[in-house]
Amino acid sequence: MEKKNERIRIFAGSSSRDFVEKMCSYLSIKAGESEVFQFSEGNTYVKIGENVRNKDVYIVQTVGLNANDSFMELLFWIDSFKRSSARSVTVIMPFFSYAKADKKDEPRVSIRARVCADCIEAAGADRVITIDLHSPQIQGFFKKPVDNLYAYPLLCEYIRTRAIGDLVVVSPDAGFARDARRYGSYLGVPVYTCEKTRTDHSEKASVNVLFGPLAARNALIVDDFTISGGTLIETANLMKKKGVEHVYAMVTHALLHEKAIAKLMESHIHKLIVTDTVANPHLLNNEKIEIISVAPLFAEAVNIIQNEGSLSSLFDSLPASVLKSSF
């Protein structure tokens, strides 16, 4: 009889190849064979390179830096596995870019996250696993199970290895305040909230008010993602005005481009800690940026699912093997 772990096949979309290699290394299995090709006019071709009949397939594809192409490729992968008689198809999206569009907050706009959810299910996905969704309610856009993992235990454990004293956690806005409290509770430090305003879609934000007096040498700004770095930099400026000596920033998803990196280097941010949910070449070999891998966390989630366990165990405490493999 075939064992459950022998049914696992993990495949990489073009945006998550290194991520899958780390997952498979953790699980001591070989990555699935696959091929992706893009024709000159932009048409994407995908092909599975092995038999997946009656296999539990996990397709890993982050939807980030090249969101439209990555998302369409993901749909083609799901369809190809279903047509190849896979036993189940689980989508692992380390980052879901369209999660930012989770509501109709202006007239005549699309709720793009809902459209994407419908497409993923229509293509045939049986389950979705992601981490730090911009809005938890997006799980309700799907009829299939959605597992939203959390990066904060892993990130907080890394901060503990730095032994930073006299530390406070800072949320750049009220929207992330609840999540910031998780960081503060885990680290056992105070949490402060700023006020952020936006006037348009230019990715420029203004951070002005800090609620409550601040008296600490070190501040840790936390958020779920950054694209331009503007919110982090503006919050860091406010921290310096409040007398903070060293400002650290920590985000799960880093989509910083070259200009944003240049601004980061000139900012008051002493160190930016991010995860590898997005394969961003601009982050590499930068003295201000530390990259923590969440691939072992996803691999452990796959292991738990295959053994019919509860993923809530990953929210209580992380296995030592995950911590050892992540940083």
C-alpha atoms as a PDB file:
ATOM      1  CA  MET A   1       0.000   0.000   0.000  1.00  0.00           C
ATOM      2  CA  GLU A   2       1.253   3.479  -0.890  1.00  0.00           C
ATOM      3  CA  LYS A   3       2.184   5.622   2.131  1.00  0.00           C
ATOM      4  CA  LYS A   4       0.722   9.109   2.492  1.00  0.00           C
ATOM      5  CA  ASN A   5       4.077  10.853   2.129  1.00  0.00           C
ATOM      6  CA  GLU A   6       4.667   8.949  -1.100  1.00  0.00           C
ATOM      7  CA  ARG A   7       1.595  10.631  -2.562  1.00  0.00           C
ATOM      8  CA  ILE A   8       3.056  14.133  -2.061  1.00  0.00           C
ATOM      9  CA  ARG A   9       4.292  15.943  -5.138  1.00  0.00           C
ATOM     10  CA  ILE A  10       5.339  19.589  -4.828  1.00  0.00           C
ATOM     11  CA  PHE A  11       5.668  21.608  -8.024  1.00  0.00           C
ATOM     12  CA  ALA A  12       7.088  25.077  -8.565  1.00  0.00           C
ATOM     13  CA  GLY A  13       5.558  27.803 -10.658  1.00  0.00           C
ATOM     14  CA  SER A  14       8.032  30.121 -12.331  1.00  0.00           C
ATOM     15  CA  SER A  15       7.854  32.685  -9.497  1.00  0.00           C
ATOM     16  CA  SER A  16       8.650  30.259  -6.664  1.00  0.00           C
ATOM     17  CA  ARG A  17      11.386  27.858  -7.798  1.00  0.00           C
ATOM     18  CA  ASP A  18      13.861  28.565  -4.988  1.00  0.00           C
ATOM     19  CA  PHE A  19      11.019  28.489  -2.474  1.00  0.00           C
ATOM     20  CA  VAL A  20      10.017  24.982  -3.574  1.00  0.00           C
ATOM     21  CA  GLU A  21      13.608  23.758  -3.405  1.00  0.00           C
ATOM     22  CA  LYS A  22      13.715  24.857   0.243  1.00  0.00           C
ATOM     23  CA  MET A  23      10.394  23.170   0.974  1.00  0.00           C
ATOM     24  CA  CYS A  24      11.501  19.920  -0.615  1.00  0.00           C
ATOM     25  CA  SER A  25      14.848  20.029   1.173  1.00  0.00           C
ATOM     26  CA  TYR A  26      12.988  20.309   4.482  1.00  0.00           C
ATOM     27  CA  LEU A  27      10.729  17.361   3.598  1.00  0.00           C
ATOM     28  CA  SER A  28      13.593  15.344   2.068  1.00  0.00           C
ATOM     29  CA  ILE A  29      11.728  14.849  -1.199  1.00  0.00           C
ATOM     30  CA  LYS A  30      12.429  15.767  -4.810  1.00  0.00           C
ATOM     31  CA  ALA A  31      10.602  18.665  -6.442  1.00  0.00           C
ATOM     32  CA  GLY A  32       8.150  17.773  -9.185  1.00  0.00           C
ATOM     33  CA  GLU A  33       9.295  18.008 -12.785  1.00  0.00           C
ATOM     34  CA  SER A  34       7.651  20.737 -14.790  1.00  0.00           C
ATOM     35  CA  GLU A  35       8.158  23.135 -17.679  1.00  0.00           C
ATOM     36  CA  VAL A  36       7.043  26.734 -18.236  1.00  0.00           C
ATOM     37  CA  PHE A  37       7.481  28.624 -21.471  1.00  0.00           C
ATOM     38  CA  GLN A  38       6.277  32.038 -22.560  1.00  0.00           C
ATOM     39  CA  PHE A  39       5.801  32.789 -26.226  1.00  0.00           C
ATOM     40  CA  SER A  40       6.880  36.100 -27.720  1.00  0.00           C
ATOM     41  CA  GLU A  41       3.395  37.602 -27.559  1.00  0.00           C
ATOM     42  CA  GLY A  42       3.070  36.719 -23.851  1.00  0.00           C
ATOM     43  CA  ASN A  43       1.128  33.454 -24.137  1.00  0.00           C
ATOM     44  CA  THR A  44       2.087  31.097 -21.290  1.00  0.00           C
ATOM     45  CA  TYR A  45       2.594  27.343 -21.741  1.00  0.00           C
ATOM     46  CA  VAL A  46       2.886  24.903 -18.819  1.00  0.00           C
ATOM     47  CA  LYS A  47       3.573  21.167 -18.830  1.00  0.00           C
ATOM     48  CA  ILE A  48       3.869  18.564 -16.072  1.00  0.00           C
ATOM     49  CA  GLY A  49       6.950  16.413 -16.513  1.00  0.00           C
ATOM     50  CA  GLU A  50       5.791  13.303 -14.654  1.00  0.00           C
ATOM     51  CA  ASN A  51       2.796  11.142 -13.815  1.00  0.00           C
ATOM     52  CA  VAL A  52       0.598  12.701 -11.088  1.00  0.00           C
ATOM     53  CA  ARG A  53      -2.343  10.310 -11.230  1.00  0.00           C
ATOM     54  CA  ASN A  54      -3.732   9.780  -7.717  1.00  0.00           C
ATOM     55  CA  LYS A  55      -1.084  12.098  -6.213  1.00  0.00           C
ATOM     56  CA  ASP A  56      -1.641  14.891  -3.692  1.00  0.00           C
ATOM     57  CA  VAL A  57      -0.249  17.796  -5.678  1.00  0.00           C
ATOM     58  CA  TYR A  58       0.944  21.093  -4.197  1.00  0.00           C
ATOM     59  CA  ILE A  59       1.572  23.850  -6.722  1.00  0.00           C
ATOM     60  CA  VAL A  60       3.575  26.749  -5.309  1.00  0.00           C
ATOM     61  CA  GLN A  61       3.244  30.075  -7.081  1.00  0.00           C
ATOM     62  CA  THR A  62       3.594  33.490  -5.475  1.00  0.00           C
ATOM     63  CA  VAL A  63       1.541  36.237  -7.100  1.00  0.00           C
ATOM     64  CA  GLY A  64       3.754  39.244  -6.560  1.00  0.00           C
ATOM     65  CA  LEU A  65       6.234  41.138  -8.708  1.00  0.00           C
ATOM     66  CA  ASN A  66       4.633  40.098 -11.994  1.00  0.00           C
ATOM     67  CA  ALA A  67       1.143  39.561 -10.658  1.00  0.00           C
ATOM     68  CA  ASN A  68      -0.875  39.155 -13.851  1.00  0.00           C
ATOM     69  CA  ASP A  69       1.427  36.648 -15.571  1.00  0.00           C
ATOM     70  CA  SER A  70       1.976  34.731 -12.331  1.00  0.00           C
ATOM     71  CA  PHE A  71      -1.746  34.455 -11.664  1.00  0.00           C
ATOM     72  CA  MET A  72      -2.608  33.255 -15.153  1.00  0.00           C
ATOM     73  CA  GLU A  73       0.197  30.699 -14.974  1.00  0.00           C
ATOM     74  CA  LEU A  74      -1.210  29.464 -11.666  1.00  0.00           C
ATOM     75  CA  LEU A  75      -4.626  28.873 -13.222  1.00  0.00           C
ATOM     76  CA  PHE A  76      -3.059  26.892 -16.060  1.00  0.00           C
ATOM     77  CA  TRP A  77      -1.151  24.750 -13.542  1.00  0.00           C
ATOM     78  CA  ILE A  78      -4.304  23.955 -11.575  1.00  0.00           C
ATOM     79  CA  ASP A  79      -6.124  22.983 -14.764  1.00  0.00           C
ATOM     80  CA  SER A  80      -3.267  20.792 -15.980  1.00  0.00           C
ATOM     81  CA  PHE A  81      -3.098  18.856 -12.699  1.00  0.00           C
ATOM     82  CA  LYS A  82      -6.863  18.302 -12.603  1.00  0.00           C
ATOM     83  CA  ARG A  83      -6.809  17.076 -16.200  1.00  0.00           C
ATOM     84  CA  SER A  84      -3.944  14.720 -15.275  1.00  0.00           C
ATOM     85  CA  SER A  85      -6.073  12.992 -12.607  1.00  0.00           C
ATOM     86  CA  ALA A  86      -4.285  14.311  -9.531  1.00  0.00           C
ATOM     87  CA  ARG A  87      -5.946  13.079  -6.332  1.00  0.00           C
ATOM     88  CA  SER A  88      -6.004  16.622  -4.947  1.00  0.00           C
ATOM     89  CA  VAL A  89      -4.595  19.996  -5.958  1.00  0.00           C
ATOM     90  CA  THR A  90      -3.532  22.427  -3.239  1.00  0.00           C
ATOM     91  CA  VAL A  91      -2.470  25.931  -4.201  1.00  0.00           C
ATOM     92  CA  ILE A  92       0.312  27.434  -2.110  1.00  0.00           C
ATOM     93  CA  MET A  93       0.457  31.199  -2.625  1.00  0.00           C
ATOM     94  CA  PRO A  94       3.184  32.630  -0.382  1.00  0.00           C
ATOM     95  CA  PHE A  95       1.988  36.074  -1.483  1.00  0.00           C
ATOM     96  CA  PHE A  96      -1.383  36.988  -2.993  1.00  0.00           C
ATOM     97  CA  SER A  97      -1.006  40.464  -4.474  1.00  0.00           C
ATOM     98  CA  TYR A  98      -4.680  40.974  -5.267  1.00  0.00           C
ATOM     99  CA  ALA A  99      -5.580  40.453  -1.610  1.00  0.00           C
ATOM    100  CA  LYS A 100      -5.221  44.236  -1.280  1.00  0.00           C
ATOM    101  CA  ALA A 101      -8.424  44.615  -3.336  1.00  0.00           C
ATOM    102  CA  ASP A 102     -10.788  43.048  -0.817  1.00  0.00           C
ATOM    103  CA  LYS A 103     -13.708  45.502  -0.814  1.00  0.00           C
ATOM    104  CA  LYS A 104     -15.658  48.003  -2.897  1.00  0.00           C
ATOM    105  CA  ASP A 105     -14.344  51.155  -1.231  1.00  0.00           C
ATOM    106  CA  GLU A 106     -14.902  53.382  -4.276  1.00  0.00           C
ATOM    107  CA  PRO A 107     -17.702  53.618  -6.848  1.00  0.00           C
ATOM    108  CA  ARG A 108     -17.432  51.460  -9.972  1.00  0.00           C
ATOM    109  CA  VAL A 109     -14.436  49.334  -8.937  1.00  0.00           C
ATOM    110  CA  SER A 110     -13.855  45.590  -8.979  1.00  0.00           C
ATOM    111  CA  ILE A 111     -13.344  43.485  -5.856  1.00  0.00           C
ATOM    112  CA  ARG A 112     -10.358  41.854  -7.512  1.00  0.00           C
ATOM    113  CA  ALA A 113      -9.556  39.459  -4.664  1.00  0.00           C
ATOM    114  CA  ARG A 114     -13.017  37.910  -5.048  1.00  0.00           C
ATOM    115  CA  VAL A 115     -12.601  37.592  -8.829  1.00  0.00           C
ATOM    116  CA  CYS A 116      -9.274  35.802  -8.312  1.00  0.00           C
ATOM    117  CA  ALA A 117     -10.803  33.497  -5.697  1.00  0.00           C
ATOM    118  CA  ASP A 118     -13.566  32.529  -8.125  1.00  0.00           C
ATOM    119  CA  CYS A 119     -11.004  31.804 -10.849  1.00  0.00           C
ATOM    120  CA  ILE A 120      -8.846  29.619  -8.595  1.00  0.00           C
ATOM    121  CA  GLU A 121     -11.851  27.532  -7.592  1.00  0.00           C
ATOM    122  CA  ALA A 122     -13.216  27.349 -11.141  1.00  0.00           C
ATOM    123  CA  ALA A 123      -9.836  26.039 -12.334  1.00  0.00           C
ATOM    124  CA  GLY A 124     -10.180  23.163  -9.858  1.00  0.00           C
ATOM    125  CA  ALA A 125      -8.165  23.938  -6.710  1.00  0.00           C
ATOM    126  CA  ASP A 126      -9.172  21.866  -3.665  1.00  0.00           C
ATOM    127  CA  ARG A 127      -7.388  23.971  -1.054  1.00  0.00           C
ATOM    128  CA  VAL A 128      -5.355  27.162  -0.704  1.00  0.00           C
ATOM    129  CA  ILE A 129      -2.485  27.845   1.695  1.00  0.00           C
ATOM    130  CA  THR A 130      -1.036  31.315   2.116  1.00  0.00           C
ATOM    131  CA  ILE A 131       0.542  33.480   4.796  1.00  0.00           C
ATOM    132  CA  ASP A 132      -0.351  36.857   6.278  1.00  0.00           C
ATOM    133  CA  LEU A 133      -3.261  37.701   4.005  1.00  0.00           C
ATOM    134  CA  HIS A 134      -3.780  41.457   3.840  1.00  0.00           C
ATOM    135  CA  SER A 135      -7.355  40.906   5.024  1.00  0.00           C
ATOM    136  CA  PRO A 136      -8.392  37.707   6.850  1.00  0.00           C
ATOM    137  CA  GLN A 137     -11.939  37.974   5.469  1.00  0.00           C
ATOM    138  CA  ILE A 138     -10.582  36.990   2.045  1.00  0.00           C
ATOM    139  CA  GLN A 139     -10.765  33.413   3.291  1.00  0.00           C
ATOM    140  CA  GLY A 140     -14.534  33.840   3.042  1.00  0.00           C
ATOM    141  CA  PHE A 141     -14.258  34.596  -0.685  1.00  0.00           C
ATOM    142  CA  PHE A 142     -13.485  30.896  -1.208  1.00  0.00           C
ATOM    143  CA  LYS A 143     -15.833  27.946  -0.817  1.00  0.00           C
ATOM    144  CA  LYS A 144     -12.820  25.640  -0.506  1.00  0.00           C
ATOM    145  CA  PRO A 145     -10.602  25.530   2.630  1.00  0.00           C
ATOM    146  CA  VAL A 146      -8.101  28.376   2.967  1.00  0.00           C
ATOM    147  CA  ASP A 147      -5.275  28.156   5.500  1.00  0.00           C
ATOM    148  CA  ASN A 148      -3.720  31.500   6.403  1.00  0.00           C
ATOM    149  CA  LEU A 149      -0.412  30.950   8.178  1.00  0.00           C
ATOM    150  CA  TYR A 150       1.297  33.587  10.330  1.00  0.00           C
ATOM    151  CA  ALA A 151       4.875  34.761   9.998  1.00  0.00           C
ATOM    152  CA  TYR A 152       5.084  36.653  13.267  1.00  0.00           C
ATOM    153  CA  PRO A 153       6.285  33.745  15.474  1.00  0.00           C
ATOM    154  CA  LEU A 154       9.165  33.099  13.086  1.00  0.00           C
ATOM    155  CA  LEU A 155      10.023  36.777  12.721  1.00  0.00           C
ATOM    156  CA  CYS A 156       9.809  37.357  16.464  1.00  0.00           C
ATOM    157  CA  GLU A 157      12.109  34.412  17.161  1.00  0.00           C
ATOM    158  CA  TYR A 158      14.623  35.984  14.801  1.00  0.00           C
ATOM    159  CA  ILE A 159      14.369  39.308  16.639  1.00  0.00           C
ATOM    160  CA  ARG A 160      15.040  37.457  19.884  1.00  0.00           C
ATOM    161  CA  THR A 161      18.324  36.185  18.468  1.00  0.00           C
ATOM    162  CA  ARG A 162      19.389  39.822  17.987  1.00  0.00           C
ATOM    163  CA  ALA A 163      18.923  40.531  21.713  1.00  0.00           C
ATOM    164  CA  ILE A 164      17.620  44.083  21.141  1.00  0.00           C
ATOM    165  CA  GLY A 165      16.943  45.750  24.487  1.00  0.00           C
ATOM    166  CA  ASP A 166      14.525  48.552  25.417  1.00  0.00           C
ATOM    167  CA  LEU A 167      12.302  47.695  22.453  1.00  0.00           C
ATOM    168  CA  VAL A 168       8.765  48.713  21.462  1.00  0.00           C
ATOM    169  CA  VAL A 169       6.609  47.478  18.561  1.00  0.00           C
ATOM    170  CA  VAL A 170       5.053  50.119  16.297  1.00  0.00           C
ATOM    171  CA  SER A 171       2.162  49.734  13.856  1.00  0.00           C
ATOM    172  CA  PRO A 172       2.208  52.283  11.001  1.00  0.00           C
ATOM    173  CA  ASP A 173      -1.592  52.538  11.052  1.00  0.00           C
ATOM    174  CA  ALA A 174      -4.708  51.443  12.892  1.00  0.00           C
ATOM    175  CA  GLY A 175      -5.385  48.779  10.270  1.00  0.00           C
ATOM    176  CA  PHE A 176      -2.402  46.711  11.369  1.00  0.00           C
ATOM    177  CA  ALA A 177      -2.748  47.468  15.100  1.00  0.00           C
ATOM    178  CA  ARG A 178      -4.338  44.120  15.942  1.00  0.00           C
ATOM    179  CA  ASP A 179      -1.546  42.228  14.184  1.00  0.00           C
ATOM    180  CA  ALA A 180       1.065  44.440  15.843  1.00  0.00           C
ATOM    181  CA  ARG A 181      -0.307  43.397  19.219  1.00  0.00           C
ATOM    182  CA  ARG A 182       0.512  39.789  18.321  1.00  0.00           C
ATOM    183  CA  TYR A 183       4.149  40.812  17.788  1.00  0.00           C
ATOM    184  CA  GLY A 184       4.185  42.774  21.030  1.00  0.00           C
ATOM    185  CA  SER A 185       2.597  39.952  22.995  1.00  0.00           C
ATOM    186  CA  TYR A 186       5.045  37.397  21.604  1.00  0.00           C
ATOM    187  CA  LEU A 187       8.043  39.595  22.411  1.00  0.00           C
ATOM    188  CA  GLY A 188       6.602  40.867  25.677  1.00  0.00           C
ATOM    189  CA  VAL A 189       7.055  44.551  24.790  1.00  0.00           C
ATOM    190  CA  PRO A 190       4.727  47.597  24.525  1.00  0.00           C
ATOM    191  CA  VAL A 191       2.859  48.344  21.282  1.00  0.00           C
ATOM    192  CA  TYR A 192       2.202  51.768  19.763  1.00  0.00           C
ATOM    193  CA  THR A 193       0.012  52.789  16.829  1.00  0.00           C
ATOM    194  CA  CYS A 194       0.524  55.588  14.295  1.00  0.00           C
ATOM    195  CA  GLU A 195      -1.977  57.229  11.970  1.00  0.00           C
ATOM    196  CA  LYS A 196      -1.481  56.842   8.217  1.00  0.00           C
ATOM    197  CA  THR A 197      -3.366  58.669   5.486  1.00  0.00           C
ATOM    198  CA  ARG A 198      -3.499  58.218   1.703  1.00  0.00           C
ATOM    199  CA  THR A 199      -5.101  60.587  -0.783  1.00  0.00           C
ATOM    200  CA  ASP A 200      -4.710  58.529  -3.986  1.00  0.00           C
ATOM    201  CA  HIS A 201      -3.239  55.317  -5.468  1.00  0.00           C
ATOM    202  CA  SER A 202       0.309  56.665  -5.880  1.00  0.00           C
ATOM    203  CA  GLU A 203       1.646  54.405  -3.065  1.00  0.00           C
ATOM    204  CA  LYS A 204       2.616  57.545  -1.108  1.00  0.00           C
ATOM    205  CA  ALA A 205       1.494  57.665   2.510  1.00  0.00           C
ATOM    206  CA  SER A 206       1.672  60.241   5.259  1.00  0.00           C
ATOM    207  CA  VAL A 207       2.352  59.018   8.807  1.00  0.00           C
ATOM    208  CA  ASN A 208       1.732  61.705  11.391  1.00  0.00           C
ATOM    209  CA  VAL A 209       0.320  60.884  14.802  1.00  0.00           C
ATOM    210  CA  LEU A 210       1.730  58.494  17.378  1.00  0.00           C
ATOM    211  CA  PHE A 211      -0.865  57.493  19.943  1.00  0.00           C
ATOM    212  CA  GLY A 212       0.661  57.593  23.423  1.00  0.00           C
ATOM    213  CA  PRO A 213       4.022  58.803  24.776  1.00  0.00           C
ATOM    214  CA  LEU A 214       7.075  56.952  23.532  1.00  0.00           C
ATOM    215  CA  ALA A 215      10.122  56.313  25.687  1.00  0.00           C
ATOM    216  CA  ALA A 216      12.417  53.641  24.247  1.00  0.00           C
ATOM    217  CA  ARG A 217      15.810  53.399  22.603  1.00  0.00           C
ATOM    218  CA  ASN A 218      14.714  50.914  19.923  1.00  0.00           C
ATOM    219  CA  ALA A 219      11.543  50.655  17.832  1.00  0.00           C
ATOM    220  CA  LEU A 220      10.362  47.774  15.630  1.00  0.00           C
ATOM    221  CA  ILE A 221       7.928  48.804  12.873  1.00  0.00           C
ATOM    222  CA  VAL A 222       5.780  45.875  11.707  1.00  0.00           C
ATOM    223  CA  ASP A 223       3.538  45.524   8.646  1.00  0.00           C
ATOM    224  CA  ASP A 224       2.340  42.798   6.283  1.00  0.00           C
ATOM    225  CA  PHE A 225       3.890  44.087   3.043  1.00  0.00           C
ATOM    226  CA  THR A 226       5.823  46.954   1.484  1.00  0.00           C
ATOM    227  CA  ILE A 227       6.064  48.043  -2.150  1.00  0.00           C
ATOM    228  CA  SER A 228       7.595  51.512  -2.178  1.00  0.00           C
ATOM    229  CA  GLY A 229       8.875  51.522   1.397  1.00  0.00           C
ATOM    230  CA  GLY A 230       7.177  54.890   1.905  1.00  0.00           C
ATOM    231  CA  THR A 231       5.091  53.904   4.934  1.00  0.00           C
ATOM    232  CA  LEU A 232       8.054  52.322   6.697  1.00  0.00           C
ATOM    233  CA  ILE A 233      10.326  55.289   5.987  1.00  0.00           C
ATOM    234  CA  GLU A 234       7.738  57.860   7.094  1.00  0.00           C
ATOM    235  CA  THR A 235       7.109  55.905  10.293  1.00  0.00           C
ATOM    236  CA  ALA A 236      10.857  55.686  10.905  1.00  0.00           C
ATOM    237  CA  ASN A 237      11.117  59.457  10.501  1.00  0.00           C
ATOM    238  CA  LEU A 238       8.433  59.886  13.155  1.00  0.00           C
ATOM    239  CA  MET A 239      10.258  57.504  15.473  1.00  0.00           C
ATOM    240  CA  LYS A 240      13.453  59.511  15.179  1.00  0.00           C
ATOM    241  CA  LYS A 241      11.549  62.707  16.001  1.00  0.00           C
ATOM    242  CA  LYS A 242      10.301  60.943  19.127  1.00  0.00           C
ATOM    243  CA  GLY A 243      13.886  60.239  20.178  1.00  0.00           C
ATOM    244  CA  VAL A 244      14.266  56.593  19.192  1.00  0.00           C
ATOM    245  CA  GLU A 245      17.912  55.623  18.715  1.00  0.00           C
ATOM    246  CA  HIS A 246      17.590  52.633  16.358  1.00  0.00           C
ATOM    247  CA  VAL A 247      14.617  51.906  14.125  1.00  0.00           C
ATOM    248  CA  TYR A 248      14.045  48.370  12.831  1.00  0.00           C
ATOM    249  CA  ALA A 249      11.346  47.367  10.351  1.00  0.00           C
ATOM    250  CA  MET A 250       9.815  43.964   9.730  1.00  0.00           C
ATOM    251  CA  VAL A 251       7.419  42.879   6.974  1.00  0.00           C
ATOM    252  CA  THR A 252       6.334  39.519   5.610  1.00  0.00           C
ATOM    253  CA  HIS A 253       6.126  40.434   1.921  1.00  0.00           C
ATOM    254  CA  ALA A 254       8.777  42.706   0.348  1.00  0.00           C
ATOM    255  CA  LEU A 255       8.115  43.925  -3.199  1.00  0.00           C
ATOM    256  CA  LEU A 256      10.629  46.769  -3.110  1.00  0.00           C
ATOM    257  CA  HIS A 257      11.992  47.980  -6.452  1.00  0.00           C
ATOM    258  CA  GLU A 258      15.342  49.635  -7.145  1.00  0.00           C
ATOM    259  CA  LYS A 259      14.209  53.180  -6.346  1.00  0.00           C
ATOM    260  CA  ALA A 260      12.615  51.987  -3.121  1.00  0.00           C
ATOM    261  CA  ILE A 261      15.832  50.224  -2.115  1.00  0.00           C
ATOM    262  CA  ALA A 262      17.779  53.437  -2.751  1.00  0.00           C
ATOM    263  CA  LYS A 263      15.389  55.354  -0.480  1.00  0.00           C
ATOM    264  CA  LEU A 264      15.675  52.651   2.157  1.00  0.00           C
ATOM    265  CA  MET A 265      19.458  52.956   2.180  1.00  0.00           C
ATOM    266  CA  GLU A 266      19.188  56.688   2.890  1.00  0.00           C
ATOM    267  CA  SER A 267      16.455  56.320   5.520  1.00  0.00           C
ATOM    268  CA  HIS A 268      16.550  56.118   9.322  1.00  0.00           C
ATOM    269  CA  ILE A 269      15.762  52.380   9.158  1.00  0.00           C
ATOM    270  CA  HIS A 270      18.685  50.565  10.721  1.00  0.00           C
ATOM    271  CA  LYS A 271      17.652  47.100   9.532  1.00  0.00           C
ATOM    272  CA  LEU A 272      14.754  45.702   7.472  1.00  0.00           C
ATOM    273  CA  ILE A 273      13.793  42.089   8.149  1.00  0.00           C
ATOM    274  CA  VAL A 274      11.641  40.361   5.505  1.00  0.00           C
ATOM    275  CA  THR A 275      10.679  36.843   4.440  1.00  0.00           C
ATOM    276  CA  ASP A 276      11.184  35.099   1.108  1.00  0.00           C
ATOM    277  CA  THR A 277       7.515  34.903   0.077  1.00  0.00           C
ATOM    278  CA  VAL A 278       8.478  36.986  -2.970  1.00  0.00           C
ATOM    279  CA  ALA A 279      11.613  36.100  -4.944  1.00  0.00           C
ATOM    280  CA  ASN A 280      12.822  39.689  -5.183  1.00  0.00           C
ATOM    281  CA  PRO A 281      16.331  40.055  -6.669  1.00  0.00           C
ATOM    282  CA  HIS A 282      16.560  43.679  -5.461  1.00  0.00           C
ATOM    283  CA  LEU A 283      16.761  42.462  -1.850  1.00  0.00           C
ATOM    284  CA  LEU A 284      19.876  40.366  -2.272  1.00  0.00           C
ATOM    285  CA  ASN A 285      23.324  41.329  -0.960  1.00  0.00           C
ATOM    286  CA  ASN A 286      22.062  44.380   0.893  1.00  0.00           C
ATOM    287  CA  GLU A 287      23.584  45.203   4.263  1.00  0.00           C
ATOM    288  CA  LYS A 288      20.326  46.709   5.542  1.00  0.00           C
ATOM    289  CA  ILE A 289      18.098  43.763   4.614  1.00  0.00           C
ATOM    290  CA  GLU A 290      17.837  40.385   6.343  1.00  0.00           C
ATOM    291  CA  ILE A 291      15.804  37.636   4.639  1.00  0.00           C
ATOM    292  CA  ILE A 292      14.143  34.910   6.704  1.00  0.00           C
ATOM    293  CA  SER A 293      12.751  31.862   4.902  1.00  0.00           C
ATOM    294  CA  VAL A 294       9.167  30.775   5.550  1.00  0.00           C
ATOM    295  CA  ALA A 295       9.512  27.839   3.137  1.00  0.00           C
ATOM    296  CA  PRO A 296      10.146  25.411   6.044  1.00  0.00           C
ATOM    297  CA  LEU A 297       6.945  26.689   7.686  1.00  0.00           C
ATOM    298  CA  PHE A 298       4.942  25.875   4.539  1.00  0.00           C
ATOM    299  CA  ALA A 299       6.690  22.514   4.272  1.00  0.00           C
ATOM    300  CA  GLU A 300       5.696  21.704   7.845  1.00  0.00           C
ATOM    301  CA  ALA A 301       2.122  22.716   6.977  1.00  0.00           C
ATOM    302  CA  VAL A 302       2.169  20.239   4.080  1.00  0.00           C
ATOM    303  CA  ASN A 303       3.497  17.564   6.432  1.00  0.00           C
ATOM    304  CA  ILE A 304       0.693  18.227   8.931  1.00  0.00           C
ATOM    305  CA  ILE A 305      -2.006  18.167   6.238  1.00  0.00           C
ATOM    306  CA  GLN A 306      -0.748  14.888   4.795  1.00  0.00           C
ATOM    307  CA  ASN A 307      -0.799  13.347   8.262  1.00  0.00           C
ATOM    308  CA  GLU A 308      -4.307  14.694   8.896  1.00  0.00           C
ATOM    309  CA  GLY A 309      -3.173  16.909  11.743  1.00  0.00           C
ATOM    310  CA  SER A 310      -4.206  20.393  12.808  1.00  0.00           C
ATOM    311  CA  LEU A 311      -2.442  23.450  11.422  1.00  0.00           C
ATOM    312  CA  SER A 312      -3.339  25.344  14.580  1.00  0.00           C
ATOM    313  CA  SER A 313      -0.305  23.666  16.152  1.00  0.00           C
ATOM    314  CA  LEU A 314       1.848  26.003  14.059  1.00  0.00           C
ATOM    315  CA  PHE A 315       0.168  29.005  15.691  1.00  0.00           C
ATOM    316  CA  ASP A 316       0.995  27.879  19.219  1.00  0.00           C
ATOM    317  CA  SER A 317       4.684  27.086  18.867  1.00  0.00           C
ATOM    318  CA  LEU A 318       7.008  26.463  15.955  1.00  0.00           C
ATOM    319  CA  PRO A 319       8.889  23.160  15.694  1.00  0.00           C
ATOM    320  CA  ALA A 320      12.626  23.452  16.320  1.00  0.00           C
ATOM    321  CA  SER A 321      13.225  22.034  12.830  1.00  0.00           C
ATOM    322  CA  VAL A 322      11.400  24.995  11.271  1.00  0.00           C
ATOM    323  CA  LEU A 323      13.412  27.540  13.258  1.00  0.00           C
ATOM    324  CA  LYS A 324      16.662  25.800  12.439  1.00  0.00           C
ATOM    325  CA  SER A 325      15.908  25.743   8.707  1.00  0.00           C
ATOM    326  CA  SER A 326      14.621  29.321   8.448  1.00  0.00           C
ATOM    327  CA  PHE A 327      17.619  31.338   9.666  1.00  0.00           C
END
